[in-house]
PDB file of N, CA and C in Angstrom:
ATOM      1  N   UNK A   1     -57.653  -4.004 -29.841  1.00  0.00           N
ATOM      2  CA  UNK A   1     -57.946  -2.585 -29.764  1.00  0.00           C
ATOM      3  C   UNK A   1     -58.097  -2.020 -31.174  1.00  0.00           C
ATOM      4  N   UNK A   2     -59.075  -1.156 -31.328  1.00  0.00           N
ATOM      5  CA  UNK A   2     -59.376  -0.598 -32.639  1.00  0.00           C
ATOM      6  C   UNK A   2     -58.947   0.863 -32.665  1.00  0.00           C
ATOM      7  N   UNK A   3     -58.250   1.234 -33.716  1.00  0.00           N
ATOM      8  CA  UNK A   3     -57.839   2.624 -33.899  1.00  0.00           C
ATOM      9  C   UNK A   3     -58.689   3.203 -35.020  1.00  0.00           C
ATOM     10  N   UNK A   4     -59.417   4.272 -34.714  1.00  0.00           N
ATOM     11  CA  UNK A   4     -60.254   4.901 -35.730  1.00  0.00           C
ATOM     12  C   UNK A   4     -59.534   6.105 -36.301  1.00  0.00           C
ATOM     13  N   UNK A   5     -59.820   6.403 -37.538  1.00  0.00           N
ATOM     14  CA  UNK A   5     -59.152   7.503 -38.228  1.00  0.00           C
ATOM     15  C   UNK A   5     -60.209   8.489 -38.686  1.00  0.00           C
ATOM     16  N   UNK A   6     -59.976   9.775 -38.378  1.00  0.00           N
ATOM     17  CA  UNK A   6     -60.887  10.832 -38.809  1.00  0.00           C
ATOM     18  C   UNK A   6     -60.120  11.791 -39.709  1.00  0.00           C
ATOM     19  N   UNK A   7     -60.766  12.320 -40.681  1.00  0.00           N
ATOM     20  CA  UNK A   7     -60.127  13.276 -41.570  1.00  0.00           C
ATOM     21  C   UNK A   7     -60.360  14.683 -41.045  1.00  0.00           C
ATOM     22  N   UNK A   8     -59.311  15.492 -41.079  1.00  0.00           N
ATOM     23  CA  UNK A   8     -59.429  16.884 -40.634  1.00  0.00           C
ATOM     24  C   UNK A   8     -59.736  17.823 -41.797  1.00  0.00           C
ATOM     25  N   UNK A   9     -59.796  17.312 -43.000  1.00  0.00           N
ATOM     26  CA  UNK A   9     -59.973  18.167 -44.166  1.00  0.00           C
ATOM     27  C   UNK A   9     -61.420  18.642 -44.224  1.00  0.00           C
ATOM     28  N   UNK A  10     -61.587  19.956 -44.362  1.00  0.00           N
ATOM     29  CA  UNK A  10     -62.929  20.509 -44.525  1.00  0.00           C
ATOM     30  C   UNK A  10     -63.163  20.724 -46.009  1.00  0.00           C
ATOM     31  N   UNK A  11     -64.374  20.511 -46.432  1.00  0.00           N
ATOM     32  CA  UNK A  11     -64.669  20.669 -47.855  1.00  0.00           C
ATOM     33  C   UNK A  11     -65.217  22.057 -48.088  1.00  0.00           C
ATOM     34  N   UNK A  12     -64.427  22.873 -48.781  1.00  0.00           N
ATOM     35  CA  UNK A  12     -64.871  24.201 -49.174  1.00  0.00           C
ATOM     36  C   UNK A  12     -64.871  24.240 -50.696  1.00  0.00           C
ATOM     37  N   UNK A  13     -65.946  24.693 -51.307  1.00  0.00           N
ATOM     38  CA  UNK A  13     -66.015  24.651 -52.770  1.00  0.00           C
ATOM     39  C   UNK A  13     -65.053  25.618 -53.450  1.00  0.00           C
ATOM     40  N   UNK A  14     -64.580  26.658 -52.742  1.00  0.00           N
ATOM     41  CA  UNK A  14     -63.734  27.654 -53.384  1.00  0.00           C
ATOM     42  C   UNK A  14     -62.290  27.197 -53.520  1.00  0.00           C
ATOM     43  N   UNK A  15     -61.836  26.309 -52.645  1.00  0.00           N
ATOM     44  CA  UNK A  15     -60.439  25.891 -52.676  1.00  0.00           C
ATOM     45  C   UNK A  15     -60.329  24.460 -53.172  1.00  0.00           C
ATOM     46  N   UNK A  16     -59.344  24.173 -54.046  1.00  0.00           N
ATOM     47  CA  UNK A  16     -59.138  22.784 -54.459  1.00  0.00           C
ATOM     48  C   UNK A  16     -58.578  21.971 -53.296  1.00  0.00           C
ATOM     49  N   UNK A  17     -58.986  20.726 -53.205  1.00  0.00           N
ATOM     50  CA  UNK A  17     -58.563  19.888 -52.087  1.00  0.00           C
ATOM     51  C   UNK A  17     -57.163  19.333 -52.345  1.00  0.00           C
ATOM     52  N   UNK A  18     -56.227  19.535 -51.401  1.00  0.00           N
ATOM     53  CA  UNK A  18     -54.884  18.963 -51.568  1.00  0.00           C
ATOM     54  C   UNK A  18     -54.909  17.468 -51.254  1.00  0.00           C
ATOM     55  N   UNK A  19     -53.834  16.805 -51.628  1.00  0.00           N
ATOM     56  CA  UNK A  19     -53.712  15.396 -51.272  1.00  0.00           C
ATOM     57  C   UNK A  19     -53.573  15.277 -49.768  1.00  0.00           C
ATOM     58  N   UNK A  20     -54.153  14.252 -49.194  1.00  0.00           N
ATOM     59  CA  UNK A  20     -54.138  14.080 -47.748  1.00  0.00           C
ATOM     60  C   UNK A  20     -52.788  13.530 -47.316  1.00  0.00           C
ATOM     61  N   UNK A  21     -52.148  14.213 -46.364  1.00  0.00           N
ATOM     62  CA  UNK A  21     -50.881  13.733 -45.825  1.00  0.00           C
ATOM     63  C   UNK A  21     -51.125  13.145 -44.451  1.00  0.00           C
ATOM     64  N   UNK A  22     -50.092  12.528 -43.907  1.00  0.00           N
ATOM     65  CA  UNK A  22     -50.220  11.879 -42.605  1.00  0.00           C
ATOM     66  C   UNK A  22     -50.536  12.892 -41.517  1.00  0.00           C
ATOM     67  N   UNK A  23     -49.971  14.111 -41.636  1.00  0.00           N
ATOM     68  CA  UNK A  23     -50.185  15.110 -40.591  1.00  0.00           C
ATOM     69  C   UNK A  23     -51.628  15.608 -40.557  1.00  0.00           C
ATOM     70  N   UNK A  24     -52.401  15.355 -41.604  1.00  0.00           N
ATOM     71  CA  UNK A  24     -53.781  15.829 -41.638  1.00  0.00           C
ATOM     72  C   UNK A  24     -54.755  14.828 -41.033  1.00  0.00           C
ATOM     73  N   UNK A  25     -54.287  13.679 -40.585  1.00  0.00           N
ATOM     74  CA  UNK A  25     -55.157  12.670 -40.004  1.00  0.00           C
ATOM     75  C   UNK A  25     -55.032  12.685 -38.502  1.00  0.00           C
ATOM     76  N   UNK A  26     -56.157  12.585 -37.838  1.00  0.00           N
ATOM     77  CA  UNK A  26     -56.172  12.557 -36.383  1.00  0.00           C
ATOM     78  C   UNK A  26     -56.434  11.120 -35.946  1.00  0.00           C
ATOM     79  N   UNK A  27     -55.443  10.495 -35.330  1.00  0.00           N
ATOM     80  CA  UNK A  27     -55.592   9.116 -34.887  1.00  0.00           C
ATOM     81  C   UNK A  27     -56.090   9.136 -33.453  1.00  0.00           C
ATOM     82  N   UNK A  28     -57.257   8.538 -33.218  1.00  0.00           N
ATOM     83  CA  UNK A  28     -57.842   8.501 -31.881  1.00  0.00           C
ATOM     84  C   UNK A  28     -57.411   7.197 -31.221  1.00  0.00           C
ATOM     85  N   UNK A  29     -56.650   7.311 -30.138  1.00  0.00           N
ATOM     86  CA  UNK A  29     -56.152   6.124 -29.437  1.00  0.00           C
ATOM     87  C   UNK A  29     -56.544   6.222 -27.976  1.00  0.00           C
ATOM     88  N   UNK A  30     -56.484   5.123 -27.248  1.00  0.00           N
ATOM     89  CA  UNK A  30     -56.717   5.201 -25.810  1.00  0.00           C
ATOM     90  C   UNK A  30     -55.707   6.130 -25.138  1.00  0.00           C
ATOM     91  N   UNK A  31     -56.079   6.655 -23.977  1.00  0.00           N
ATOM     92  CA  UNK A  31     -55.276   7.686 -23.313  1.00  0.00           C
ATOM     93  C   UNK A  31     -53.860   7.208 -23.013  1.00  0.00           C
ATOM     94  N   UNK A  32     -53.691   5.948 -22.599  1.00  0.00           N
ATOM     95  CA  UNK A  32     -52.357   5.493 -22.210  1.00  0.00           C
ATOM     96  C   UNK A  32     -51.450   5.251 -23.414  1.00  0.00           C
ATOM     97  N   UNK A  33     -52.015   5.218 -24.631  1.00  0.00           N
ATOM     98  CA  UNK A  33     -51.194   5.006 -25.818  1.00  0.00           C
ATOM     99  C   UNK A  33     -50.775   6.311 -26.486  1.00  0.00           C
ATOM    100  N   UNK A  34     -51.398   7.418 -26.095  1.00  0.00           N
ATOM    101  CA  UNK A  34     -51.069   8.684 -26.747  1.00  0.00           C
ATOM    102  C   UNK A  34     -49.638   9.086 -26.424  1.00  0.00           C
ATOM    103  N   UNK A  35     -48.906   9.426 -27.451  1.00  0.00           N
ATOM    104  CA  UNK A  35     -47.538   9.897 -27.208  1.00  0.00           C
ATOM    105  C   UNK A  35     -47.602  11.345 -26.758  1.00  0.00           C
ATOM    106  N   UNK A  36     -46.612  11.744 -25.988  1.00  0.00           N
ATOM    107  CA  UNK A  36     -46.591  13.117 -25.492  1.00  0.00           C
ATOM    108  C   UNK A  36     -46.341  14.071 -26.651  1.00  0.00           C
ATOM    109  N   UNK A  37     -47.035  15.196 -26.614  1.00  0.00           N
ATOM    110  CA  UNK A  37     -46.844  16.206 -27.639  1.00  0.00           C
ATOM    111  C   UNK A  37     -45.492  16.856 -27.399  1.00  0.00           C
ATOM    112  N   UNK A  38     -44.720  17.013 -28.464  1.00  0.00           N
ATOM    113  CA  UNK A  38     -43.391  17.590 -28.283  1.00  0.00           C
ATOM    114  C   UNK A  38     -43.515  19.056 -27.894  1.00  0.00           C
ATOM    115  N   UNK A  39     -42.547  19.531 -27.156  1.00  0.00           N
ATOM    116  CA  UNK A  39     -42.557  20.912 -26.690  1.00  0.00           C
ATOM    117  C   UNK A  39     -42.277  21.841 -27.864  1.00  0.00           C
ATOM    118  N   UNK A  40     -42.672  23.101 -27.779  1.00  0.00           N
ATOM    119  CA  UNK A  40     -42.497  24.013 -28.910  1.00  0.00           C
ATOM    120  C   UNK A  40     -41.044  24.224 -29.319  1.00  0.00           C
ATOM    121  N   UNK A  41     -40.108  24.061 -28.383  1.00  0.00           N
ATOM    122  CA  UNK A  41     -38.708  24.272 -28.741  1.00  0.00           C
ATOM    123  C   UNK A  41     -38.176  23.182 -29.659  1.00  0.00           C
ATOM    124  N   UNK A  42     -38.729  22.006 -29.563  1.00  0.00           N
ATOM    125  CA  UNK A  42     -38.198  20.878 -30.328  1.00  0.00           C
ATOM    126  C   UNK A  42     -38.439  21.099 -31.813  1.00  0.00           C
ATOM    127  N   UNK A  43     -37.453  20.770 -32.587  1.00  0.00           N
ATOM    128  CA  UNK A  43     -37.619  20.817 -34.027  1.00  0.00           C
ATOM    129  C   UNK A  43     -37.817  19.396 -34.521  1.00  0.00           C
ATOM    130  N   UNK A  44     -38.639  19.198 -35.527  1.00  0.00           N
ATOM    131  CA  UNK A  44     -38.808  17.832 -36.023  1.00  0.00           C
ATOM    132  C   UNK A  44     -37.505  17.331 -36.636  1.00  0.00           C
ATOM    133  N   UNK A  45     -37.342  16.049 -36.668  1.00  0.00           N
ATOM    134  CA  UNK A  45     -36.174  15.366 -37.218  1.00  0.00           C
ATOM    135  C   UNK A  45     -34.940  15.518 -36.351  1.00  0.00           C
ATOM    136  N   UNK A  46     -35.030  16.174 -35.197  1.00  0.00           N
ATOM    137  CA  UNK A  46     -33.877  16.276 -34.297  1.00  0.00           C
ATOM    138  C   UNK A  46     -34.330  15.873 -32.908  1.00  0.00           C
ATOM    139  N   UNK A  47     -34.507  14.618 -32.681  1.00  0.00           N
ATOM    140  CA  UNK A  47     -35.015  14.156 -31.399  1.00  0.00           C
ATOM    141  C   UNK A  47     -33.901  13.974 -30.371  1.00  0.00           C
ATOM    142  N   UNK A  48     -32.636  13.967 -30.810  1.00  0.00           N
ATOM    143  CA  UNK A  48     -31.556  13.665 -29.871  1.00  0.00           C
ATOM    144  C   UNK A  48     -31.118  14.872 -29.054  1.00  0.00           C
ATOM    145  N   UNK A  49     -31.511  16.076 -29.439  1.00  0.00           N
ATOM    146  CA  UNK A  49     -31.087  17.255 -28.686  1.00  0.00           C
ATOM    147  C   UNK A  49     -31.924  17.422 -27.427  1.00  0.00           C
ATOM    148  N   UNK A  50     -31.301  17.904 -26.380  1.00  0.00           N
ATOM    149  CA  UNK A  50     -32.059  18.208 -25.174  1.00  0.00           C
ATOM    150  C   UNK A  50     -32.650  19.600 -25.304  1.00  0.00           C
ATOM    151  N   UNK A  51     -33.620  19.892 -24.466  1.00  0.00           N
ATOM    152  CA  UNK A  51     -34.253  21.218 -24.530  1.00  0.00           C
ATOM    153  C   UNK A  51     -33.266  22.305 -24.151  1.00  0.00           C
ATOM    154  N   UNK A  52     -32.402  22.036 -23.160  1.00  0.00           N
ATOM    155  CA  UNK A  52     -31.450  23.077 -22.753  1.00  0.00           C
ATOM    156  C   UNK A  52     -30.463  23.359 -23.872  1.00  0.00           C
ATOM    157  N   UNK A  53     -30.040  22.313 -24.581  1.00  0.00           N
ATOM    158  CA  UNK A  53     -29.112  22.535 -25.693  1.00  0.00           C
ATOM    159  C   UNK A  53     -29.785  23.348 -26.787  1.00  0.00           C
ATOM    160  N   UNK A  54     -31.040  23.031 -27.062  1.00  0.00           N
ATOM    161  CA  UNK A  54     -31.747  23.796 -28.088  1.00  0.00           C
ATOM    162  C   UNK A  54     -31.978  25.236 -27.645  1.00  0.00           C
ATOM    163  N   UNK A  55     -32.331  25.420 -26.367  1.00  0.00           N
ATOM    164  CA  UNK A  55     -32.547  26.784 -25.867  1.00  0.00           C
ATOM    165  C   UNK A  55     -31.250  27.576 -25.928  1.00  0.00           C
ATOM    166  N   UNK A  56     -30.139  26.939 -25.548  1.00  0.00           N
ATOM    167  CA  UNK A  56     -28.841  27.609 -25.625  1.00  0.00           C
ATOM    168  C   UNK A  56     -28.525  27.981 -27.064  1.00  0.00           C
ATOM    169  N   UNK A  57     -28.796  27.058 -27.965  1.00  0.00           N
ATOM    170  CA  UNK A  57     -28.543  27.313 -29.379  1.00  0.00           C
ATOM    171  C   UNK A  57     -29.390  28.481 -29.877  1.00  0.00           C
ATOM    172  N   UNK A  58     -30.667  28.507 -29.491  1.00  0.00           N
ATOM    173  CA  UNK A  58     -31.538  29.606 -29.914  1.00  0.00           C
ATOM    174  C   UNK A  58     -31.070  30.940 -29.346  1.00  0.00           C
ATOM    175  N   UNK A  59     -30.634  30.933 -28.082  1.00  0.00           N
ATOM    176  CA  UNK A  59     -30.146  32.176 -27.480  1.00  0.00           C
ATOM    177  C   UNK A  59     -28.871  32.652 -28.168  1.00  0.00           C
ATOM    178  N   UNK A  60     -27.998  31.707 -28.534  1.00  0.00           N
ATOM    179  CA  UNK A  60     -26.780  32.099 -29.247  1.00  0.00           C
ATOM    180  C   UNK A  60     -27.122  32.712 -30.597  1.00  0.00           C
ATOM    181  N   UNK A  61     -28.097  32.109 -31.292  1.00  0.00           N
ATOM    182  CA  UNK A  61     -28.510  32.680 -32.576  1.00  0.00           C
ATOM    183  C   UNK A  61     -29.119  34.062 -32.384  1.00  0.00           C
ATOM    184  N   UNK A  62     -29.878  34.239 -31.294  1.00  0.00           N
ATOM    185  CA  UNK A  62     -30.468  35.550 -31.021  1.00  0.00           C
ATOM    186  C   UNK A  62     -29.366  36.570 -30.736  1.00  0.00           C
ATOM    187  N   UNK A  63     -28.341  36.156 -29.959  1.00  0.00           N
ATOM    188  CA  UNK A  63     -27.218  37.054 -29.687  1.00  0.00           C
ATOM    189  C   UNK A  63     -26.502  37.431 -30.977  1.00  0.00           C
ATOM    190  N   UNK A  64     -26.310  36.449 -31.870  1.00  0.00           N
ATOM    191  CA  UNK A  64     -25.657  36.746 -33.145  1.00  0.00           C
ATOM    192  C   UNK A  64     -26.495  37.721 -33.961  1.00  0.00           C
ATOM    193  N   UNK A  65     -27.808  37.535 -33.930  1.00  0.00           N
ATOM    194  CA  UNK A  65     -28.699  38.428 -34.663  1.00  0.00           C
ATOM    195  C   UNK A  65     -28.618  39.849 -34.119  1.00  0.00           C
ATOM    196  N   UNK A  66     -28.608  39.985 -32.784  1.00  0.00           N
ATOM    197  CA  UNK A  66     -28.511  41.314 -32.168  1.00  0.00           C
ATOM    198  C   UNK A  66     -27.178  41.963 -32.526  1.00  0.00           C
ATOM    199  N   UNK A  67     -26.098  41.169 -32.508  1.00  0.00           N
ATOM    200  CA  UNK A  67     -24.782  41.709 -32.868  1.00  0.00           C
ATOM    201  C   UNK A  67     -24.781  42.191 -34.316  1.00  0.00           C
ATOM    202  N   UNK A  68     -25.399  41.425 -35.207  1.00  0.00           N
ATOM    203  CA  UNK A  68     -25.466  41.841 -36.609  1.00  0.00           C
ATOM    204  C   UNK A  68     -26.316  43.097 -36.782  1.00  0.00           C
ATOM    205  N   UNK A  69     -27.397  43.199 -36.003  1.00  0.00           N
ATOM    206  CA  UNK A  69     -28.232  44.402 -36.092  1.00  0.00           C
ATOM    207  C   UNK A  69     -27.463  45.630 -35.611  1.00  0.00           C
ATOM    208  N   UNK A  70     -26.669  45.468 -34.526  1.00  0.00           N
ATOM    209  CA  UNK A  70     -25.863  46.589 -34.032  1.00  0.00           C
ATOM    210  C   UNK A  70     -24.826  46.996 -35.071  1.00  0.00           C
ATOM    211  N   UNK A  71     -24.193  46.003 -35.699  1.00  0.00           N
ATOM    212  CA  UNK A  71     -23.200  46.296 -36.728  1.00  0.00           C
ATOM    213  C   UNK A  71     -23.847  47.032 -37.899  1.00  0.00           C
ATOM    214  N   UNK A  72     -25.058  46.606 -38.258  1.00  0.00           N
ATOM    215  CA  UNK A  72     -25.790  47.248 -39.350  1.00  0.00           C
ATOM    216  C   UNK A  72     -26.092  48.709 -39.015  1.00  0.00           C
ATOM    217  N   UNK A  73     -26.518  48.963 -37.771  1.00  0.00           N
ATOM    218  CA  UNK A  73     -26.806  50.343 -37.363  1.00  0.00           C
ATOM    219  C   UNK A  73     -25.547  51.200 -37.375  1.00  0.00           C
ATOM    220  N   UNK A  74     -24.419  50.628 -36.915  1.00  0.00           N
ATOM    221  CA  UNK A  74     -23.159  51.375 -36.952  1.00  0.00           C
ATOM    222  C   UNK A  74     -22.787  51.727 -38.386  1.00  0.00           C
ATOM    223  N   UNK A  75     -22.973  50.775 -39.305  1.00  0.00           N
ATOM    224  CA  UNK A  75     -22.661  51.045 -40.708  1.00  0.00           C
ATOM    225  C   UNK A  75     -23.599  52.099 -41.284  1.00  0.00           C
ATOM    226  N   UNK A  76     -24.861  52.093 -40.857  1.00  0.00           N
ATOM    227  CA  UNK A  76     -25.793  53.117 -41.333  1.00  0.00           C
ATOM    228  C   UNK A  76     -25.366  54.502 -40.863  1.00  0.00           C
ATOM    229  N   UNK A  77     -24.848  54.593 -39.620  1.00  0.00           N
ATOM    230  CA  UNK A  77     -24.367  55.880 -39.112  1.00  0.00           C
ATOM    231  C   UNK A  77     -23.204  56.369 -39.966  1.00  0.00           C
ATOM    232  N   UNK A  78     -22.270  55.457 -40.275  1.00  0.00           N
ATOM    233  CA  UNK A  78     -21.120  55.834 -41.108  1.00  0.00           C
ATOM    234  C   UNK A  78     -21.587  56.269 -42.493  1.00  0.00           C
ATOM    235  N   UNK A  79     -22.539  55.529 -43.057  1.00  0.00           N
ATOM    236  CA  UNK A  79     -23.059  55.879 -44.386  1.00  0.00           C
ATOM    237  C   UNK A  79     -23.718  57.252 -44.361  1.00  0.00           C
ATOM    238  N   UNK A  80     -24.479  57.554 -43.302  1.00  0.00           N
ATOM    239  CA  UNK A  80     -25.117  58.869 -43.202  1.00  0.00           C
ATOM    240  C   UNK A  80     -24.085  59.979 -43.087  1.00  0.00           C
ATOM    241  N   UNK A  81     -22.997  59.735 -42.332  1.00  0.00           N
ATOM    242  CA  UNK A  81     -21.938  60.748 -42.233  1.00  0.00           C
ATOM    243  C   UNK A  81     -21.298  60.995 -43.595  1.00  0.00           C
ATOM    244  N   UNK A  82     -21.052  59.922 -44.345  1.00  0.00           N
ATOM    245  CA  UNK A  82     -20.453  60.074 -45.676  1.00  0.00           C
ATOM    246  C   UNK A  82     -21.397  60.837 -46.597  1.00  0.00           C
ATOM    247  N   UNK A  83     -22.689  60.553 -46.508  1.00  0.00           N
ATOM    248  CA  UNK A  83     -23.658  61.276 -47.345  1.00  0.00           C
ATOM    249  C   UNK A  83     -23.677  62.763 -47.003  1.00  0.00           C
ATOM    250  N   UNK A  84     -23.636  63.073 -45.696  1.00  0.00           N
ATOM    251  CA  UNK A  84     -23.609  64.488 -45.289  1.00  0.00           C
ATOM    252  C   UNK A  84     -22.371  65.178 -45.846  1.00  0.00           C
ATOM    253  N   UNK A  85     -21.222  64.488 -45.739  1.00  0.00           N
ATOM    254  CA  UNK A  85     -19.983  65.059 -46.249  1.00  0.00           C
ATOM    255  C   UNK A  85     -20.072  65.280 -47.755  1.00  0.00           C
ATOM    256  N   UNK A  86     -20.654  64.318 -48.474  1.00  0.00           N
ATOM    257  CA  UNK A  86     -20.809  64.463 -49.925  1.00  0.00           C
ATOM    258  C   UNK A  86     -21.709  65.640 -50.273  1.00  0.00           C
ATOM    259  N   UNK A  87     -22.779  65.823 -49.513  1.00  0.00           N
ATOM    260  CA  UNK A  87     -23.680  66.950 -49.771  1.00  0.00           C
ATOM    261  C   UNK A  87     -22.958  68.268 -49.538  1.00  0.00           C
ATOM    262  N   UNK A  88     -22.181  68.348 -48.448  1.00  0.00           N
ATOM    263  CA  UNK A  88     -21.424  69.580 -48.180  1.00  0.00           C
ATOM    264  C   UNK A  88     -20.419  69.852 -49.294  1.00  0.00           C
ATOM    265  N   UNK A  89     -19.751  68.804 -49.765  1.00  0.00           N
ATOM    266  CA  UNK A  89     -18.785  68.987 -50.850  1.00  0.00           C
ATOM    267  C   UNK A  89     -19.477  69.438 -52.134  1.00  0.00           C
ATOM    268  N   UNK A  90     -20.647  68.885 -52.421  1.00  0.00           N
ATOM    269  CA  UNK A  90     -21.384  69.308 -53.615  1.00  0.00           C
ATOM    270  C   UNK A  90     -21.824  70.764 -53.492  1.00  0.00           C
ATOM    271  N   UNK A  91     -22.238  71.170 -52.278  1.00  0.00           N
ATOM    272  CA  UNK A  91     -22.635  72.569 -52.074  1.00  0.00           C
ATOM    273  C   UNK A  91     -21.460  73.507 -52.306  1.00  0.00           C
ATOM    274  N   UNK A  92     -20.312  73.160 -51.743  1.00  0.00           N
ATOM    275  CA  UNK A  92     -19.138  74.030 -51.945  1.00  0.00           C
ATOM    276  C   UNK A  92     -18.729  74.049 -53.410  1.00  0.00           C
ATOM    277  N   UNK A  93     -18.847  72.929 -54.095  1.00  0.00           N
ATOM    278  CA  UNK A  93     -18.518  72.874 -55.519  1.00  0.00           C
ATOM    279  C   UNK A  93     -19.440  73.792 -56.312  1.00  0.00           C
ATOM    280  N   UNK A  94     -20.754  73.722 -55.998  1.00  0.00           N
ATOM    281  CA  UNK A  94     -21.701  74.586 -56.700  1.00  0.00           C
ATOM    282  C   UNK A  94     -21.433  76.063 -56.411  1.00  0.00           C
ATOM    283  N   UNK A  95     -21.085  76.374 -55.149  1.00  0.00           N
ATOM    284  CA  UNK A  95     -20.774  77.768 -54.801  1.00  0.00           C
ATOM    285  C   UNK A  95     -19.561  78.259 -55.574  1.00  0.00           C
ATOM    286  N   UNK A  96     -18.535  77.406 -55.678  1.00  0.00           N
ATOM    287  CA  UNK A  96     -17.341  77.794 -56.433  1.00  0.00           C
ATOM    288  C   UNK A  96     -17.652  77.969 -57.916  1.00  0.00           C
ATOM    289  N   UNK A  97     -18.500  77.104 -58.465  1.00  0.00           N
ATOM    290  CA  UNK A  97     -18.881  77.254 -59.877  1.00  0.00           C
ATOM    291  C   UNK A  97     -19.652  78.549 -60.098  1.00  0.00           C
ATOM    292  N   UNK A  98     -20.532  78.900 -59.146  1.00  0.00           N
ATOM    293  CA  UNK A  98     -21.288  80.153 -59.259  1.00  0.00           C
ATOM    294  C   UNK A  98     -20.333  81.342 -59.210  1.00  0.00           C
ATOM    295  N   UNK A  99     -19.351  81.270 -58.312  1.00  0.00           N
ATOM    296  CA  UNK A  99     -18.373  82.360 -58.215  1.00  0.00           C
ATOM    297  C   UNK A  99     -17.575  82.488 -59.504  1.00  0.00           C
ATOM    298  N   UNK A 100     -17.211  81.355 -60.110  1.00  0.00           N
ATOM    299  CA  UNK A 100     -16.468  81.407 -61.374  1.00  0.00           C
ATOM    300  C   UNK A 100     -17.317  82.001 -62.490  1.00  0.00           C
ATOM    301  N   UNK A 101     -18.604  81.662 -62.508  1.00  0.00           N
ATOM    302  CA  UNK A 101     -19.471  82.185 -63.550  1.00  0.00           C
ATOM    303  C   UNK A 101     -19.730  83.681 -63.369  1.00  0.00           C
ATOM    304  N   UNK A 102     -19.724  84.149 -62.135  1.00  0.00           N
ATOM    305  CA  UNK A 102     -19.971  85.565 -61.874  1.00  0.00           C
ATOM    306  C   UNK A 102     -18.773  86.417 -62.263  1.00  0.00           C
ATOM    307  N   UNK A 103     -17.587  85.842 -62.300  1.00  0.00           N
ATOM    308  CA  UNK A 103     -16.393  86.626 -62.646  1.00  0.00           C
ATOM    309  C   UNK A 103     -16.242  86.811 -64.087  1.00  0.00           C
TER     310      UNK A 103
END
């Protein structure tokens, strides 16, 4: 059986050509020899994980991200309250200084 190799690199004069890597070659094989394309959830270099374990892991990371976003919003609310309080204190300070200058 013969395996033919085709290059996927297109020649464009404006861009310099990078070195050809293995991922840029399309190996044409008979249908029964083609390996199954990995599912989008799979990460390369981690073939031992099951899809459910990876999906669970991704959902846990998403939950952690949502929790961090909620915590961030709560902190922003506290920061805004402190800023409002600081502005009110500065206003009262300026009013008191004006009153002192008027006397």
